[in-house]
Amino acid sequence: MSPLQAAERVLGTAAVATPVTTQSADVATSPLTRQEHQVVALLDKGLADKQIAAKLVISRRTAEGHVRRILAELGCTSRTQVATWAITNLVKRS
């Protein structure tokens, strides 16, 4: 189960919105870089650091560094909290 699915189960909602592109106003005002947004999108799918590295064609250590910085910048202590942040802040509202 992905963090998104876990959040939906806990909140009793289903996300029907689609993620925004990097040109949106929400992303422009976000504390994260473009690549960190890509990492957040992959975290939201439940991918591990090794899988994130493979998808973004970066080293595993670089992926781990991105995840650490994302957690610190957002004040989160878990990947699930990052996924919840993404749902709240990076999803278009129809």
PDB file of N, CA and C in Angstrom:
ATOM      1  N   MET A   1       0.844  -1.158   0.000  1.00  0.00           N
ATOM      2  CA  MET A   1       0.000   0.000   0.000  1.00  0.00           C
ATOM      3  C   MET A   1       0.905   1.241   0.000  1.00  0.00           C
ATOM      4  N   SER A   2       0.599   2.173  -0.886  1.00  0.00           N
ATOM      5  CA  SER A   2       1.395   3.399  -0.970  1.00  0.00           C
ATOM      6  C   SER A   2       0.996   4.354   0.152  1.00  0.00           C
ATOM      7  N   PRO A   3       1.855   5.333   0.456  1.00  0.00           N
ATOM      8  CA  PRO A   3       1.481   6.326   1.466  1.00  0.00           C
ATOM      9  C   PRO A   3       0.198   7.066   1.102  1.00  0.00           C
ATOM     10  N   LEU A   4      -0.018   7.302  -0.195  1.00  0.00           N
ATOM     11  CA  LEU A   4      -1.244   7.961  -0.639  1.00  0.00           C
ATOM     12  C   LEU A   4      -2.453   7.108  -0.297  1.00  0.00           C
ATOM     13  N   GLN A   5      -2.370   5.814  -0.579  1.00  0.00           N
ATOM     14  CA  GLN A   5      -3.478   4.921  -0.271  1.00  0.00           C
ATOM     15  C   GLN A   5      -3.712   4.841   1.232  1.00  0.00           C
ATOM     16  N   ALA A   6      -2.635   4.839   2.010  1.00  0.00           N
ATOM     17  CA  ALA A   6      -2.771   4.815   3.467  1.00  0.00           C
ATOM     18  C   ALA A   6      -3.460   6.078   3.961  1.00  0.00           C
ATOM     19  N   ALA A   7      -3.056   7.221   3.428  1.00  0.00           N
ATOM     20  CA  ALA A   7      -3.683   8.484   3.825  1.00  0.00           C
ATOM     21  C   ALA A   7      -5.162   8.492   3.452  1.00  0.00           C
ATOM     22  N   GLU A   8      -5.485   7.982   2.259  1.00  0.00           N
ATOM     23  CA  GLU A   8      -6.882   7.918   1.842  1.00  0.00           C
ATOM     24  C   GLU A   8      -7.693   7.027   2.775  1.00  0.00           C
ATOM     25  N   ARG A   9      -7.106   5.907   3.176  1.00  0.00           N
ATOM     26  CA  ARG A   9      -7.806   4.997   4.074  1.00  0.00           C
ATOM     27  C   ARG A   9      -8.058   5.656   5.426  1.00  0.00           C
ATOM     28  N   VAL A  10      -7.035   6.335   5.967  1.00  0.00           N
ATOM     29  CA  VAL A  10      -7.157   7.001   7.262  1.00  0.00           C
ATOM     30  C   VAL A  10      -8.167   8.133   7.192  1.00  0.00           C
ATOM     31  N   LEU A  11      -8.102   8.926   6.111  1.00  0.00           N
ATOM     32  CA  LEU A  11      -8.985  10.082   5.980  1.00  0.00           C
ATOM     33  C   LEU A  11     -10.368   9.703   5.465  1.00  0.00           C
ATOM     34  N   GLY A  12     -10.499   8.488   4.953  1.00  0.00           N
ATOM     35  CA  GLY A  12     -11.790   8.039   4.426  1.00  0.00           C
ATOM     36  C   GLY A  12     -12.161   8.745   3.136  1.00  0.00           C
ATOM     37  N   THR A  13     -11.152   9.163   2.376  1.00  0.00           N
ATOM     38  CA  THR A  13     -11.407   9.842   1.115  1.00  0.00           C
ATOM     39  C   THR A  13     -10.602   9.185   0.019  1.00  0.00           C
ATOM     40  N   ALA A  14     -11.008   9.420  -1.190  1.00  0.00           N
ATOM     41  CA  ALA A  14     -10.241   8.946  -2.337  1.00  0.00           C
ATOM     42  C   ALA A  14      -9.778  10.165  -3.104  1.00  0.00           C
ATOM     43  N   ALA A  15      -8.516  10.202  -3.408  1.00  0.00           N
ATOM     44  CA  ALA A  15      -7.970  11.331  -4.155  1.00  0.00           C
ATOM     45  C   ALA A  15      -8.351  11.176  -5.620  1.00  0.00           C
ATOM     46  N   VAL A  16      -9.102  12.108  -6.139  1.00  0.00           N
ATOM     47  CA  VAL A  16      -9.498  12.072  -7.537  1.00  0.00           C
ATOM     48  C   VAL A  16      -8.778  13.148  -8.333  1.00  0.00           C
ATOM     49  N   ALA A  17      -8.028  13.973  -7.655  1.00  0.00           N
ATOM     50  CA  ALA A  17      -7.299  15.037  -8.330  1.00  0.00           C
ATOM     51  C   ALA A  17      -5.988  14.498  -8.890  1.00  0.00           C
ATOM     52  N   THR A  18      -5.438  15.242  -9.827  1.00  0.00           N
ATOM     53  CA  THR A  18      -4.167  14.852 -10.414  1.00  0.00           C
ATOM     54  C   THR A  18      -3.077  15.782  -9.934  1.00  0.00           C
ATOM     55  N   PRO A  19      -1.847  15.293  -9.827  1.00  0.00           N
ATOM     56  CA  PRO A  19      -0.754  16.154  -9.379  1.00  0.00           C
ATOM     57  C   PRO A  19      -0.528  17.305 -10.352  1.00  0.00           C
ATOM     58  N   VAL A  20      -0.080  18.410  -9.839  1.00  0.00           N
ATOM     59  CA  VAL A  20       0.187  19.579 -10.673  1.00  0.00           C
ATOM     60  C   VAL A  20       1.536  19.447 -11.344  1.00  0.00           C
ATOM     61  N   THR A  21       1.738  20.223 -12.377  1.00  0.00           N
ATOM     62  CA  THR A  21       3.036  20.252 -13.037  1.00  0.00           C
ATOM     63  C   THR A  21       3.936  21.234 -12.298  1.00  0.00           C
ATOM     64  N   THR A  22       5.193  21.238 -12.639  1.00  0.00           N
ATOM     65  CA  THR A  22       6.130  22.113 -11.936  1.00  0.00           C
ATOM     66  C   THR A  22       5.909  23.580 -12.252  1.00  0.00           C
ATOM     67  N   GLN A  23       5.031  23.927 -13.196  1.00  0.00           N
ATOM     68  CA  GLN A  23       4.764  25.310 -13.510  1.00  0.00           C
ATOM     69  C   GLN A  23       3.653  25.911 -12.653  1.00  0.00           C
ATOM     70  N   SER A  24       3.020  25.143 -11.791  1.00  0.00           N
ATOM     71  CA  SER A  24       1.898  25.661 -11.022  1.00  0.00           C
ATOM     72  C   SER A  24       2.352  26.655  -9.965  1.00  0.00           C
ATOM     73  N   ALA A  25       1.424  27.478  -9.506  1.00  0.00           N
ATOM     74  CA  ALA A  25       1.719  28.467  -8.467  1.00  0.00           C
ATOM     75  C   ALA A  25       2.078  27.769  -7.157  1.00  0.00           C
ATOM     76  N   ASP A  26       1.417  26.634  -6.859  1.00  0.00           N
ATOM     77  CA  ASP A  26       1.703  25.922  -5.619  1.00  0.00           C
ATOM     78  C   ASP A  26       3.160  25.466  -5.568  1.00  0.00           C
ATOM     79  N   VAL A  27       3.648  24.952  -6.658  1.00  0.00           N
ATOM     80  CA  VAL A  27       5.025  24.472  -6.709  1.00  0.00           C
ATOM     81  C   VAL A  27       5.985  25.658  -6.659  1.00  0.00           C
ATOM     82  N   ALA A  28       5.621  26.753  -7.299  1.00  0.00           N
ATOM     83  CA  ALA A  28       6.485  27.928  -7.316  1.00  0.00           C
ATOM     84  C   ALA A  28       6.680  28.499  -5.914  1.00  0.00           C
ATOM     85  N   THR A  29       5.683  28.364  -5.059  1.00  0.00           N
ATOM     86  CA  THR A  29       5.783  28.896  -3.702  1.00  0.00           C
ATOM     87  C   THR A  29       6.227  27.839  -2.698  1.00  0.00           C
ATOM     88  N   SER A  30       6.489  26.653  -3.159  1.00  0.00           N
ATOM     89  CA  SER A  30       6.914  25.562  -2.294  1.00  0.00           C
ATOM     90  C   SER A  30       8.366  25.751  -1.848  1.00  0.00           C
ATOM     91  N   PRO A  31       8.704  25.245  -0.653  1.00  0.00           N
ATOM     92  CA  PRO A  31      10.092  25.347  -0.201  1.00  0.00           C
ATOM     93  C   PRO A  31      11.025  24.337  -0.872  1.00  0.00           C
ATOM     94  N   LEU A  32      10.498  23.496  -1.742  1.00  0.00           N
ATOM     95  CA  LEU A  32      11.283  22.425  -2.354  1.00  0.00           C
ATOM     96  C   LEU A  32      11.755  22.800  -3.754  1.00  0.00           C
ATOM     97  N   THR A  33      12.864  22.198  -4.162  1.00  0.00           N
ATOM     98  CA  THR A  33      13.375  22.385  -5.518  1.00  0.00           C
ATOM     99  C   THR A  33      12.588  21.521  -6.487  1.00  0.00           C
ATOM    100  N   ARG A  34      12.821  21.735  -7.778  1.00  0.00           N
ATOM    101  CA  ARG A  34      12.139  20.946  -8.811  1.00  0.00           C
ATOM    102  C   ARG A  34      12.448  19.455  -8.639  1.00  0.00           C
ATOM    103  N   GLN A  35      13.714  19.126  -8.396  1.00  0.00           N
ATOM    104  CA  GLN A  35      14.066  17.716  -8.251  1.00  0.00           C
ATOM    105  C   GLN A  35      13.475  17.134  -6.967  1.00  0.00           C
ATOM    106  N   GLU A  36      13.419  17.932  -5.911  1.00  0.00           N
ATOM    107  CA  GLU A  36      12.797  17.456  -4.674  1.00  0.00           C
ATOM    108  C   GLU A  36      11.310  17.190  -4.889  1.00  0.00           C
ATOM    109  N   HIS A  37      10.672  17.976  -5.745  1.00  0.00           N
ATOM    110  CA  HIS A  37       9.270  17.704  -6.084  1.00  0.00           C
ATOM    111  C   HIS A  37       9.147  16.361  -6.800  1.00  0.00           C
ATOM    112  N   GLN A  38      10.111  16.049  -7.655  1.00  0.00           N
ATOM    113  CA  GLN A  38      10.103  14.750  -8.329  1.00  0.00           C
ATOM    114  C   GLN A  38      10.258  13.633  -7.306  1.00  0.00           C
ATOM    115  N   VAL A  39      11.130  13.835  -6.334  1.00  0.00           N
ATOM    116  CA  VAL A  39      11.331  12.837  -5.283  1.00  0.00           C
ATOM    117  C   VAL A  39      10.044  12.676  -4.464  1.00  0.00           C
ATOM    118  N   VAL A  40       9.398  13.784  -4.133  1.00  0.00           N
ATOM    119  CA  VAL A  40       8.135  13.722  -3.374  1.00  0.00           C
ATOM    120  C   VAL A  40       7.099  12.910  -4.148  1.00  0.00           C
ATOM    121  N   ALA A  41       7.010  13.124  -5.453  1.00  0.00           N
ATOM    122  CA  ALA A  41       6.052  12.370  -6.268  1.00  0.00           C
ATOM    123  C   ALA A  41       6.338  10.871  -6.205  1.00  0.00           C
ATOM    124  N   LEU A  42       7.608  10.495  -6.174  1.00  0.00           N
ATOM    125  CA  LEU A  42       7.967   9.085  -6.098  1.00  0.00           C
ATOM    126  C   LEU A  42       7.778   8.538  -4.680  1.00  0.00           C
ATOM    127  N   LEU A  43       8.047   9.365  -3.676  1.00  0.00           N
ATOM    128  CA  LEU A  43       7.763   8.961  -2.292  1.00  0.00           C
ATOM    129  C   LEU A  43       6.270   8.691  -2.130  1.00  0.00           C
ATOM    130  N   ASP A  44       5.474   9.546  -2.760  1.00  0.00           N
ATOM    131  CA  ASP A  44       4.022   9.420  -2.689  1.00  0.00           C
ATOM    132  C   ASP A  44       3.551   8.087  -3.271  1.00  0.00           C
ATOM    133  N   LYS A  45       4.319   7.532  -4.195  1.00  0.00           N
ATOM    134  CA  LYS A  45       3.986   6.228  -4.786  1.00  0.00           C
ATOM    135  C   LYS A  45       4.518   5.067  -3.950  1.00  0.00           C
ATOM    136  N   GLY A  46       5.246   5.397  -2.863  1.00  0.00           N
ATOM    137  CA  GLY A  46       5.745   4.362  -1.979  1.00  0.00           C
ATOM    138  C   GLY A  46       7.094   3.788  -2.365  1.00  0.00           C
ATOM    139  N   LEU A  47       7.828   4.468  -3.235  1.00  0.00           N
ATOM    140  CA  LEU A  47       9.120   3.960  -3.674  1.00  0.00           C
ATOM    141  C   LEU A  47      10.195   4.141  -2.611  1.00  0.00           C
ATOM    142  N   ALA A  48      11.115   3.204  -2.566  1.00  0.00           N
ATOM    143  CA  ALA A  48      12.268   3.257  -1.665  1.00  0.00           C
ATOM    144  C   ALA A  48      13.360   4.116  -2.307  1.00  0.00           C
ATOM    145  N   ASP A  49      14.354   4.499  -1.525  1.00  0.00           N
ATOM    146  CA  ASP A  49      15.439   5.342  -2.024  1.00  0.00           C
ATOM    147  C   ASP A  49      16.109   4.744  -3.255  1.00  0.00           C
ATOM    148  N   LYS A  50      16.356   3.454  -3.239  1.00  0.00           N
ATOM    149  CA  LYS A  50      17.004   2.781  -4.376  1.00  0.00           C
ATOM    150  C   LYS A  50      16.144   2.894  -5.637  1.00  0.00           C
ATOM    151  N   GLN A  51      14.830   2.743  -5.487  1.00  0.00           N
ATOM    152  CA  GLN A  51      13.920   2.846  -6.626  1.00  0.00           C
ATOM    153  C   GLN A  51      13.829   4.291  -7.127  1.00  0.00           C
ATOM    154  N   ILE A  52      13.829   5.243  -6.204  1.00  0.00           N
ATOM    155  CA  ILE A  52      13.817   6.658  -6.574  1.00  0.00           C
ATOM    156  C   ILE A  52      15.072   6.985  -7.372  1.00  0.00           C
ATOM    157  N   ALA A  53      16.207   6.508  -6.903  1.00  0.00           N
ATOM    158  CA  ALA A  53      17.473   6.740  -7.594  1.00  0.00           C
ATOM    159  C   ALA A  53      17.426   6.194  -9.021  1.00  0.00           C
ATOM    160  N   ALA A  54      16.897   4.999  -9.175  1.00  0.00           N
ATOM    161  CA  ALA A  54      16.818   4.391 -10.507  1.00  0.00           C
ATOM    162  C   ALA A  54      15.896   5.199 -11.428  1.00  0.00           C
ATOM    163  N   LYS A  55      14.764   5.631 -10.925  1.00  0.00           N
ATOM    164  CA  LYS A  55      13.807   6.395 -11.732  1.00  0.00           C
ATOM    165  C   LYS A  55      14.369   7.740 -12.164  1.00  0.00           C
ATOM    166  N   LEU A  56      15.108   8.404 -11.275  1.00  0.00           N
ATOM    167  CA  LEU A  56      15.636   9.736 -11.565  1.00  0.00           C
ATOM    168  C   LEU A  56      17.053   9.702 -12.135  1.00  0.00           C
ATOM    169  N   VAL A  57      17.615   8.513 -12.264  1.00  0.00           N
ATOM    170  CA  VAL A  57      18.970   8.307 -12.764  1.00  0.00           C
ATOM    171  C   VAL A  57      19.962   9.148 -11.942  1.00  0.00           C
ATOM    172  N   ILE A  58      19.898   8.938 -10.641  1.00  0.00           N
ATOM    173  CA  ILE A  58      20.827   9.557  -9.692  1.00  0.00           C
ATOM    174  C   ILE A  58      21.335   8.448  -8.779  1.00  0.00           C
ATOM    175  N   SER A  59      22.361   8.731  -7.994  1.00  0.00           N
ATOM    176  CA  SER A  59      22.867   7.703  -7.089  1.00  0.00           C
ATOM    177  C   SER A  59      21.906   7.515  -5.914  1.00  0.00           C
ATOM    178  N   ARG A  60      21.999   6.350  -5.301  1.00  0.00           N
ATOM    179  CA  ARG A  60      21.159   6.069  -4.133  1.00  0.00           C
ATOM    180  C   ARG A  60      21.447   7.077  -3.023  1.00  0.00           C
ATOM    181  N   ARG A  61      22.704   7.408  -2.849  1.00  0.00           N
ATOM    182  CA  ARG A  61      23.092   8.367  -1.808  1.00  0.00           C
ATOM    183  C   ARG A  61      22.488   9.755  -2.069  1.00  0.00           C
ATOM    184  N   THR A  62      22.443  10.154  -3.329  1.00  0.00           N
ATOM    185  CA  THR A  62      21.819  11.434  -3.674  1.00  0.00           C
ATOM    186  C   THR A  62      20.327  11.388  -3.360  1.00  0.00           C
ATOM    187  N   ALA A  63      19.674  10.284  -3.698  1.00  0.00           N
ATOM    188  CA  ALA A  63      18.251  10.129  -3.381  1.00  0.00           C
ATOM    189  C   ALA A  63      18.026  10.198  -1.871  1.00  0.00           C
ATOM    190  N   GLU A  64      18.891   9.529  -1.110  1.00  0.00           N
ATOM    191  CA  GLU A  64      18.775   9.564   0.357  1.00  0.00           C
ATOM    192  C   GLU A  64      18.924  10.999   0.869  1.00  0.00           C
ATOM    193  N   GLY A  65      19.859  11.749   0.278  1.00  0.00           N
ATOM    194  CA  GLY A  65      20.057  13.143   0.667  1.00  0.00           C
ATOM    195  C   GLY A  65      18.838  13.992   0.373  1.00  0.00           C
ATOM    196  N   HIS A  66      18.236  13.780  -0.797  1.00  0.00           N
ATOM    197  CA  HIS A  66      17.010  14.510  -1.138  1.00  0.00           C
ATOM    198  C   HIS A  66      15.910  14.212  -0.109  1.00  0.00           C
ATOM    199  N   VAL A  67      15.749  12.946   0.215  1.00  0.00           N
ATOM    200  CA  VAL A  67      14.703  12.556   1.169  1.00  0.00           C
ATOM    201  C   VAL A  67      14.952  13.210   2.526  1.00  0.00           C
ATOM    202  N   ARG A  68      16.204  13.192   2.986  1.00  0.00           N
ATOM    203  CA  ARG A  68      16.533  13.833   4.273  1.00  0.00           C
ATOM    204  C   ARG A  68      16.219  15.327   4.251  1.00  0.00           C
ATOM    205  N   ARG A  69      16.608  16.012   3.158  1.00  0.00           N
ATOM    206  CA  ARG A  69      16.343  17.447   3.054  1.00  0.00           C
ATOM    207  C   ARG A  69      14.850  17.743   2.977  1.00  0.00           C
ATOM    208  N   ILE A  70      14.116  16.916   2.259  1.00  0.00           N
ATOM    209  CA  ILE A  70      12.661  17.094   2.151  1.00  0.00           C
ATOM    210  C   ILE A  70      12.032  16.965   3.528  1.00  0.00           C
ATOM    211  N   LEU A  71      12.406  15.921   4.263  1.00  0.00           N
ATOM    212  CA  LEU A  71      11.867  15.734   5.615  1.00  0.00           C
ATOM    213  C   LEU A  71      12.174  16.945   6.490  1.00  0.00           C
ATOM    214  N   ALA A  72      13.412  17.443   6.416  1.00  0.00           N
ATOM    215  CA  ALA A  72      13.807  18.580   7.240  1.00  0.00           C
ATOM    216  C   ALA A  72      13.088  19.859   6.818  1.00  0.00           C
ATOM    217  N   GLU A  73      13.031  20.132   5.524  1.00  0.00           N
ATOM    218  CA  GLU A  73      12.410  21.364   5.035  1.00  0.00           C
ATOM    219  C   GLU A  73      10.917  21.412   5.343  1.00  0.00           C
ATOM    220  N   LEU A  74      10.268  20.262   5.313  1.00  0.00           N
ATOM    221  CA  LEU A  74       8.826  20.223   5.564  1.00  0.00           C
ATOM    222  C   LEU A  74       8.495  19.993   7.034  1.00  0.00           C
ATOM    223  N   GLY A  75       9.511  19.727   7.847  1.00  0.00           N
ATOM    224  CA  GLY A  75       9.268  19.464   9.262  1.00  0.00           C
ATOM    225  C   GLY A  75       8.566  18.137   9.487  1.00  0.00           C
ATOM    226  N   CYS A  76       8.820  17.182   8.611  1.00  0.00           N
ATOM    227  CA  CYS A  76       8.186  15.864   8.701  1.00  0.00           C
ATOM    228  C   CYS A  76       9.148  14.869   9.340  1.00  0.00           C
ATOM    229  N   THR A  77       8.569  13.821   9.922  1.00  0.00           N
ATOM    230  CA  THR A  77       9.397  12.773  10.514  1.00  0.00           C
ATOM    231  C   THR A  77       9.226  11.435   9.797  1.00  0.00           C
ATOM    232  N   SER A  78       8.337  11.381   8.791  1.00  0.00           N
ATOM    233  CA  SER A  78       8.138  10.128   8.065  1.00  0.00           C
ATOM    234  C   SER A  78       7.762  10.404   6.614  1.00  0.00           C
ATOM    235  N   ARG A  79       7.930   9.394   5.803  1.00  0.00           N
ATOM    236  CA  ARG A  79       7.553   9.486   4.393  1.00  0.00           C
ATOM    237  C   ARG A  79       6.051   9.656   4.244  1.00  0.00           C
ATOM    238  N   THR A  80       5.288   9.079   5.140  1.00  0.00           N
ATOM    239  CA  THR A  80       3.834   9.215   5.099  1.00  0.00           C
ATOM    240  C   THR A  80       3.426  10.666   5.304  1.00  0.00           C
ATOM    241  N   GLN A  81       4.113  11.362   6.196  1.00  0.00           N
ATOM    242  CA  GLN A  81       3.820  12.775   6.402  1.00  0.00           C
ATOM    243  C   GLN A  81       4.146  13.584   5.148  1.00  0.00           C
ATOM    244  N   VAL A  82       5.198  13.213   4.443  1.00  0.00           N
ATOM    245  CA  VAL A  82       5.540  13.891   3.189  1.00  0.00           C
ATOM    246  C   VAL A  82       4.428  13.649   2.167  1.00  0.00           C
ATOM    247  N   ALA A  83       3.938  12.433   2.082  1.00  0.00           N
ATOM    248  CA  ALA A  83       2.849  12.118   1.149  1.00  0.00           C
ATOM    249  C   ALA A  83       1.597  12.917   1.493  1.00  0.00           C
ATOM    250  N   THR A  84       1.305  13.053   2.767  1.00  0.00           N
ATOM    251  CA  THR A  84       0.155  13.841   3.198  1.00  0.00           C
ATOM    252  C   THR A  84       0.359  15.311   2.833  1.00  0.00           C
ATOM    253  N   TRP A  85       1.576  15.821   3.020  1.00  0.00           N
ATOM    254  CA  TRP A  85       1.894  17.190   2.621  1.00  0.00           C
ATOM    255  C   TRP A  85       1.666  17.370   1.122  1.00  0.00           C
ATOM    256  N   ALA A  86       2.103  16.396   0.343  1.00  0.00           N
ATOM    257  CA  ALA A  86       1.950  16.475  -1.108  1.00  0.00           C
ATOM    258  C   ALA A  86       0.479  16.510  -1.499  1.00  0.00           C
ATOM    259  N   ILE A  87      -0.332  15.692  -0.856  1.00  0.00           N
ATOM    260  CA  ILE A  87      -1.766  15.667  -1.141  1.00  0.00           C
ATOM    261  C   ILE A  87      -2.373  17.036  -0.846  1.00  0.00           C
ATOM    262  N   THR A  88      -1.995  17.610   0.256  1.00  0.00           N
ATOM    263  CA  THR A  88      -2.550  18.887   0.691  1.00  0.00           C
ATOM    264  C   THR A  88      -2.049  20.063  -0.146  1.00  0.00           C
ATOM    265  N   ASN A  89      -0.793  20.034  -0.535  1.00  0.00           N
ATOM    266  CA  ASN A  89      -0.173  21.201  -1.154  1.00  0.00           C
ATOM    267  C   ASN A  89       0.090  21.111  -2.648  1.00  0.00           C
ATOM    268  N   LEU A  90       0.148  19.934  -3.197  1.00  0.00           N
ATOM    269  CA  LEU A  90       0.555  19.799  -4.594  1.00  0.00           C
ATOM    270  C   LEU A  90      -0.481  19.106  -5.459  1.00  0.00           C
ATOM    271  N   VAL A  91      -1.738  19.229  -5.119  1.00  0.00           N
ATOM    272  CA  VAL A  91      -2.782  18.573  -5.896  1.00  0.00           C
ATOM    273  C   VAL A  91      -3.751  19.636  -6.383  1.00  0.00           C
ATOM    274  N   LYS A  92      -4.079  19.568  -7.665  1.00  0.00           N
ATOM    275  CA  LYS A  92      -5.068  20.494  -8.220  1.00  0.00           C
ATOM    276  C   LYS A  92      -6.425  20.218  -7.597  1.00  0.00           C
ATOM    277  N   ARG A  93      -7.134  21.272  -7.358  1.00  0.00           N
ATOM    278  CA  ARG A  93      -8.507  21.117  -6.874  1.00  0.00           C
ATOM    279  C   ARG A  93      -9.442  21.395  -8.032  1.00  0.00           C
ATOM    280  N   SER A  94     -10.295  20.427  -8.374  1.00  0.00           N
ATOM    281  CA  SER A  94     -11.182  20.559  -9.529  1.00  0.00           C
ATOM    282  C   SER A  94     -12.384  21.409  -9.215  1.00  0.00           C
TER     283      SER A  94
END
